[in-house]
Amino acid sequence: MKSKSYAGAHRPKTTSKSLILGQRDNALPTPSRYGPTMLFLSRRKIIAGASTVIALAGCASSNPNPTINAAAIQPSSPPFPAEHAAIADAVEPKYSAIYAEIKDGDFTVPAIKLAQVDSAFLRKNVTYATKEPPGTIVVDPANHYLYHVEDGGRATRYGVGVGREGFVWAGDATIKSKQEWPDWYPPKEMIDRRPDLKKVMVDLQSGVGMHGGPSNPLGARAMYLWQGDHDTLFRIHGTNEPWTVGQSQSSGCIRMINQDVMDLYQKTPVGARVVVLASRRPQPAELGYQSSQNAPSRIGRP
């Protein structure tokens, strides 16, 4: 779900509803709403020499505390022994179920045609060495991956599409707000270049734009990245073009397969920390900022 103010052409609704989730339980996470459980080994259930695996997915349980953020999450538990981690990494998820059609309120997220997406960029739970605490999101633009850091030296890895050359940045940010089925506000310059867009544009609460829905380029979910009081104009969002995941062609935003961004959205509380690693010639996140959350971008396509 857009000068070099990059991808700020997407602004959260003023009445956006944030889904705030709590810390993940250190024993077994609860099942995900979006897709079946992912498979990896529980360190508490491993018996020497055993290769038992257990099914689990979502890594956060519901918590009504609105003040929770990534900094409040407990430090990571010790990693799996190498031999057990190798067994866990070898487990192949059931992608036909993970990327199946999803009924989501008034909308339907279509099943992904797996042949259209490089299998290297499909969701998987992996070994991941990092000093970041569980709950942190780490984006690796160079390799087109996003990691949701979890306990025990593990992470859920998602494939992402990132900014094309000239729209790359690196730095730390915070999830300031979240939106389900966000509206899209392309800049005037883009509409001037693409007069065909006028056919789908309407007057919305924050200007001329496109209602959220399956045809909206922001996809099913969006998470808005801020640094302090400044909107970076960068987002983590879904896409209605899943075949672009694993590529560098966005205007700076981090795009994900809709089923994946829905999975990440439900386990990421407002306040979670996001770390975007350097890639090629990164531009500091401060550049191109506009302070207003509702300020338009001059780029357009997210």
Protein backbone atom coordinates (compact mmCIF):
# COMPACT_ATOMS: atom_id res chain seq x y z
CA MET A 1 0.00 0.00 0.00
CA LYS A 2 4.73 7.04 -2.52
CA SER A 3 10.95 15.31 -4.58
CA LYS A 4 12.14 12.45 -2.64
CA SER A 5 9.54 12.41 0.05
CA TYR A 6 9.38 8.84 -1.13
CA ALA A 7 6.38 6.74 -0.33
CA GLY A 8 4.33 9.09 1.73
CA ALA A 9 1.41 8.95 -0.60
CA HIS A 10 -0.37 6.76 1.80
CA ARG A 11 -1.74 8.24 4.97
CA PRO A 12 -3.63 6.54 7.75
CA LYS A 13 -7.27 7.42 8.23
CA THR A 14 -7.85 9.83 11.07
CA THR A 15 -10.22 7.30 12.49
CA SER A 16 -7.84 4.38 12.05
CA LYS A 17 -8.24 1.47 14.36
CA SER A 18 -4.99 0.18 15.79
CA LEU A 19 -4.71 -3.43 16.74
CA ILE A 20 -2.45 -3.49 19.73
CA LEU A 21 -1.13 -6.88 20.68
CA GLY A 22 0.84 -7.92 23.69
CA GLN A 23 4.02 -9.81 24.34
CA ARG A 24 4.52 -13.27 22.99
CA ASP A 25 4.36 -16.01 25.54
CA ASN A 26 7.73 -17.62 26.18
CA ALA A 27 6.26 -21.10 26.00
CA LEU A 28 4.10 -21.60 22.92
CA PRO A 29 2.63 -18.78 20.82
CA THR A 30 -1.03 -18.84 19.93
CA PRO A 31 -2.10 -19.88 16.42
CA SER A 32 -2.18 -17.23 13.73
CA ARG A 33 -5.44 -15.85 12.38
CA TYR A 34 -3.96 -15.65 8.93
CA GLY A 35 -2.72 -18.96 7.62
CA PRO A 36 -1.86 -22.25 9.29
CA THR A 37 0.80 -22.75 11.88
CA MET A 38 4.48 -22.63 11.03
CA LEU A 39 6.65 -25.54 12.11
CA PHE A 40 9.75 -25.38 14.29
CA LEU A 41 11.11 -27.02 17.43
CA SER A 42 10.21 -25.98 20.95
CA ARG A 43 13.34 -25.82 23.10
CA ARG A 44 11.31 -27.05 26.07
CA LYS A 45 10.07 -30.10 24.18
CA ILE A 46 13.34 -31.25 22.65
CA ILE A 47 14.64 -34.59 23.89
CA ALA A 48 18.22 -35.45 23.02
CA GLY A 49 18.32 -37.02 19.57
CA ALA A 50 14.60 -36.45 18.98
CA SER A 51 13.31 -34.81 15.84
CA THR A 52 9.85 -33.97 17.10
CA VAL A 53 8.40 -30.79 15.68
CA ILE A 54 5.41 -28.84 16.83
CA ALA A 55 3.08 -26.57 14.91
CA LEU A 56 2.87 -22.92 15.83
CA ALA A 57 2.41 -19.63 14.12
CA GLY A 58 1.45 -16.25 15.59
CA CYS A 59 3.95 -15.09 18.17
CA ALA A 60 1.84 -12.72 20.22
CA SER A 61 -1.13 -13.11 22.50
CA SER A 62 -3.76 -10.46 23.00
CA ASN A 63 -2.96 -7.89 25.67
CA PRO A 64 -5.23 -4.93 26.50
CA ASN A 65 -2.28 -2.85 27.75
CA PRO A 66 -1.95 -0.02 25.18
CA THR A 67 1.47 1.08 26.41
CA ILE A 68 3.34 -2.06 25.45
CA ASN A 69 6.00 -1.69 22.80
CA ALA A 70 9.06 -3.51 21.54
CA ALA A 71 11.27 -2.09 24.29
CA ALA A 72 9.11 -3.76 26.94
CA ILE A 73 9.46 -7.25 25.50
CA GLN A 74 11.63 -9.66 27.45
CA PRO A 75 15.19 -10.34 26.24
CA SER A 76 15.67 -13.27 23.90
CA SER A 77 15.96 -16.75 25.36
CA PRO A 78 19.07 -18.85 24.65
CA PRO A 79 19.16 -20.15 21.07
CA PHE A 80 18.37 -23.70 20.04
CA PRO A 81 21.30 -26.11 19.95
CA ALA A 82 22.66 -26.09 16.41
CA GLU A 83 21.55 -29.62 15.59
CA HIS A 84 17.95 -28.93 16.60
CA ALA A 85 17.87 -25.59 14.78
CA ALA A 86 19.01 -27.37 11.63
CA ILE A 87 16.11 -29.81 11.95
CA ALA A 88 13.66 -26.96 12.46
CA ASP A 89 15.00 -25.04 9.45
CA ALA A 90 14.58 -28.12 7.28
CA VAL A 91 10.83 -28.24 7.88
CA GLU A 92 9.00 -27.01 4.76
CA PRO A 93 5.83 -25.03 5.54
CA LYS A 94 2.59 -25.97 3.81
CA TYR A 95 2.44 -22.98 1.53
CA SER A 96 -0.76 -23.94 -0.23
CA ALA A 97 -2.51 -23.44 3.13
CA ILE A 98 -0.48 -20.43 4.30
CA TYR A 99 -1.26 -18.54 1.10
CA ALA A 100 -4.83 -19.73 0.64
CA GLU A 101 -7.78 -17.41 0.17
CA ILE A 102 -8.77 -15.45 3.29
CA LYS A 103 -12.15 -13.93 4.12
CA ASP A 104 -11.41 -10.67 5.94
CA GLY A 105 -14.49 -8.69 6.90
CA ASP A 106 -16.08 -7.26 3.77
CA PHE A 107 -13.17 -8.27 1.58
CA THR A 108 -11.57 -11.44 0.30
CA VAL A 109 -7.81 -11.83 -0.04
CA PRO A 110 -7.25 -14.11 -3.04
CA ALA A 111 -5.04 -17.17 -2.83
CA ILE A 112 -1.49 -16.62 -4.04
CA LYS A 113 -0.44 -18.35 -7.22
CA LEU A 114 2.78 -19.82 -5.87
CA ALA A 115 4.28 -20.15 -9.33
CA GLN A 116 4.31 -16.33 -9.55
CA VAL A 117 6.49 -15.85 -6.46
CA ASP A 118 10.07 -17.04 -6.00
CA SER A 119 9.88 -19.69 -3.26
CA ALA A 120 12.91 -18.11 -1.56
CA PHE A 121 10.65 -15.21 -0.55
CA LEU A 122 7.83 -17.20 1.02
CA ARG A 123 7.25 -17.05 4.77
CA LYS A 124 9.40 -19.30 6.93
CA ASN A 125 10.58 -19.59 10.54
CA VAL A 126 14.38 -19.57 10.55
CA THR A 127 17.45 -19.32 12.74
CA TYR A 128 18.36 -15.64 13.03
CA ALA A 129 21.29 -14.24 15.00
CA THR A 130 20.66 -10.70 16.20
CA LYS A 131 21.11 -8.52 19.26
CA GLU A 132 17.64 -7.08 18.76
CA PRO A 133 15.01 -8.15 21.34
CA PRO A 134 11.96 -10.25 20.40
CA GLY A 135 9.25 -8.16 18.80
CA THR A 136 11.69 -6.07 16.74
CA ILE A 137 11.23 -5.93 12.97
CA VAL A 138 14.47 -6.01 10.97
CA VAL A 139 14.33 -5.20 7.26
CA ASP A 140 17.20 -6.36 5.03
CA PRO A 141 16.61 -4.53 1.72
CA ALA A 142 19.70 -5.94 0.02
CA ASN A 143 18.33 -9.47 0.32
CA HIS A 144 14.62 -8.55 0.18
CA TYR A 145 13.78 -10.00 3.58
CA LEU A 146 11.92 -8.78 6.67
CA TYR A 147 12.49 -10.57 9.98
CA HIS A 148 10.16 -10.60 12.97
CA VAL A 149 12.56 -11.38 15.83
CA GLU A 150 11.42 -14.13 18.22
CA ASP A 151 12.75 -16.06 21.21
CA GLY A 152 15.54 -18.61 21.13
CA GLY A 153 17.54 -17.20 18.24
CA ARG A 154 14.60 -17.59 15.83
CA ALA A 155 12.65 -15.25 13.56
CA THR A 156 9.80 -15.39 11.10
CA ARG A 157 11.26 -14.38 7.75
CA TYR A 158 9.11 -12.78 5.06
CA GLY A 159 10.02 -11.82 1.51
CA VAL A 160 9.54 -8.13 0.71
CA GLY A 161 9.69 -5.72 -2.18
CA VAL A 162 11.77 -2.62 -1.47
CA GLY A 163 12.64 0.75 -2.98
CA ARG A 164 14.24 0.99 -6.38
CA GLU A 165 17.55 2.80 -6.83
CA GLY A 166 17.21 6.34 -5.52
CA PHE A 167 14.49 5.40 -3.05
CA VAL A 168 16.55 3.43 -0.55
CA TRP A 169 17.03 4.43 3.05
CA ALA A 170 18.34 2.98 6.29
CA GLY A 171 17.69 3.71 9.95
CA ASP A 172 15.53 3.02 12.98
CA ALA A 173 11.85 3.83 13.23
CA THR A 174 8.78 3.04 15.31
CA ILE A 175 5.36 1.74 14.32
CA LYS A 176 3.32 4.86 15.14
CA SER A 177 -0.03 3.60 13.80
CA LYS A 178 -1.61 0.74 11.88
CA GLN A 179 -4.48 0.50 9.43
CA GLU A 180 -6.57 -2.34 8.03
CA TRP A 181 -7.43 -1.92 4.34
CA PRO A 182 -5.88 1.58 4.17
CA ASP A 183 -6.91 4.27 1.71
CA TRP A 184 -4.35 5.43 -0.86
CA TYR A 185 -3.69 9.08 -1.70
CA PRO A 186 -1.53 9.37 -4.83
CA PRO A 187 0.08 12.79 -5.34
CA LYS A 188 -1.23 15.24 -7.91
CA GLU A 189 1.92 14.79 -9.99
CA MET A 190 1.20 11.11 -10.37
CA ILE A 191 -2.41 11.68 -11.34
CA ASP A 192 -1.19 14.19 -13.93
CA ARG A 193 1.10 11.53 -15.38
CA ARG A 194 -1.53 8.83 -15.11
CA PRO A 195 -4.87 10.42 -16.04
CA ASP A 196 -6.42 6.94 -16.08
CA LEU A 197 -6.22 6.99 -12.28
CA LYS A 198 -8.88 9.68 -12.14
CA LYS A 199 -11.46 7.00 -12.92
CA VAL A 200 -10.86 5.31 -9.56
CA MET A 201 -10.24 8.41 -7.45
CA VAL A 202 -12.89 9.84 -5.14
CA ASP A 203 -13.05 12.52 -2.47
CA LEU A 204 -12.01 10.98 0.83
CA GLN A 205 -11.64 12.45 4.30
CA SER A 206 -8.01 13.50 3.67
CA GLY A 207 -8.19 14.40 0.00
CA VAL A 208 -8.57 12.73 -3.37
CA GLY A 209 -7.71 9.06 -3.21
CA MET A 210 -8.74 5.43 -3.51
CA HIS A 211 -10.77 3.56 -0.95
CA GLY A 212 -9.09 0.65 0.76
CA GLY A 213 -9.85 -2.74 -0.75
CA PRO A 214 -8.42 -5.60 -2.84
CA SER A 215 -7.65 -3.32 -5.80
CA ASN A 216 -5.83 -0.76 -3.65
CA PRO A 217 -2.02 -0.90 -4.10
CA LEU A 218 -1.48 -0.70 -0.32
CA GLY A 219 -3.10 -4.10 0.13
CA ALA A 220 -4.76 -5.47 3.24
CA ARG A 221 -2.70 -3.79 5.97
CA ALA A 222 -0.34 -0.87 6.50
CA MET A 223 2.00 0.03 9.35
CA TYR A 224 3.29 3.62 9.49
CA LEU A 225 6.93 4.31 10.35
CA TRP A 226 7.84 7.36 12.40
CA GLN A 227 11.00 8.69 14.05
CA GLY A 228 9.94 10.58 17.14
CA ASP A 229 7.44 13.21 16.01
CA HIS A 230 8.39 12.93 12.35
CA ASP A 231 6.59 10.81 9.80
CA THR A 232 9.20 9.05 7.66
CA LEU A 233 6.60 8.67 4.89
CA PHE A 234 7.70 5.04 4.64
CA ARG A 235 5.30 2.18 5.28
CA ILE A 236 5.19 -1.57 5.62
CA HIS A 237 2.15 -2.61 3.62
CA GLY A 238 0.54 -5.31 1.53
CA THR A 239 0.32 -5.42 -2.24
CA ASN A 240 -2.04 -6.57 -4.95
CA GLU A 241 1.03 -7.42 -7.05
CA PRO A 242 2.59 -10.31 -5.07
CA TRP A 243 4.95 -11.18 -7.93
CA THR A 244 6.90 -7.97 -7.16
CA VAL A 245 7.99 -9.33 -3.77
CA GLY A 246 11.72 -10.05 -3.93
CA GLN A 247 12.29 -7.10 -6.26
CA SER A 248 13.38 -3.46 -5.93
CA GLN A 249 10.79 -1.33 -7.67
CA SER A 250 8.73 0.50 -5.04
CA SER A 251 9.00 4.19 -4.16
CA GLY A 252 10.67 3.30 -0.90
CA CYS A 253 7.93 1.45 0.96
CA ILE A 254 8.30 -2.12 2.14
CA ARG A 255 5.66 -4.22 0.40
CA MET A 256 4.63 -7.72 1.44
CA ILE A 257 2.31 -10.45 0.23
CA ASN A 258 -1.12 -9.71 1.75
CA GLN A 259 -1.24 -12.96 3.75
CA ASP A 260 2.20 -12.12 5.16
CA VAL A 261 1.47 -8.52 6.09
CA MET A 262 -1.71 -9.69 7.84
CA ASP A 263 0.34 -12.21 9.82
CA LEU A 264 2.94 -9.58 10.76
CA TYR A 265 0.27 -6.99 11.57
CA GLN A 266 -1.45 -9.15 14.16
CA LYS A 267 1.78 -9.85 16.07
CA THR A 268 3.18 -6.29 15.92
CA PRO A 269 2.01 -3.76 18.53
CA VAL A 270 1.98 -0.02 18.02
CA GLY A 271 5.33 1.15 19.39
CA ALA A 272 7.32 -1.76 17.99
CA ARG A 273 10.81 -0.92 16.78
CA VAL A 274 11.78 -1.27 13.12
CA VAL A 275 15.40 -1.47 11.99
CA VAL A 276 16.09 -0.99 8.27
CA LEU A 277 19.58 -2.15 7.36
CA ALA A 278 21.76 -0.32 4.85
CA SER A 279 21.51 -1.34 1.20
CA ARG A 280 23.46 0.02 -1.77
CA ARG A 281 23.44 3.80 -1.23
CA PRO A 282 21.07 4.31 1.68
CA GLN A 283 19.66 7.71 2.38
CA PRO A 284 19.14 8.62 6.04
CA ALA A 285 15.53 8.27 7.03
CA GLU A 286 15.49 11.93 8.09
CA LEU A 287 15.84 13.09 4.48
CA GLY A 288 12.65 13.91 2.66
CA TYR A 289 10.55 14.01 5.82
CA GLN A 290 7.39 15.97 6.22
CA SER A 291 6.20 16.50 9.75
CA SER A 292 2.51 16.14 9.08
CA GLN A 293 1.07 12.65 9.11
CA ASN A 294 -1.39 13.80 6.44
CA ALA A 295 1.18 15.46 4.18
CA PRO A 296 1.13 14.13 0.61
CA SER A 297 4.12 12.57 -1.12
CA ARG A 298 5.33 13.60 -4.54
CA ILE A 299 6.19 10.10 -5.70
CA GLY A 300 3.01 8.06 -5.86
CA ARG A 301 3.04 4.30 -6.23
CA PRO A 302 3.92 2.70 -2.89
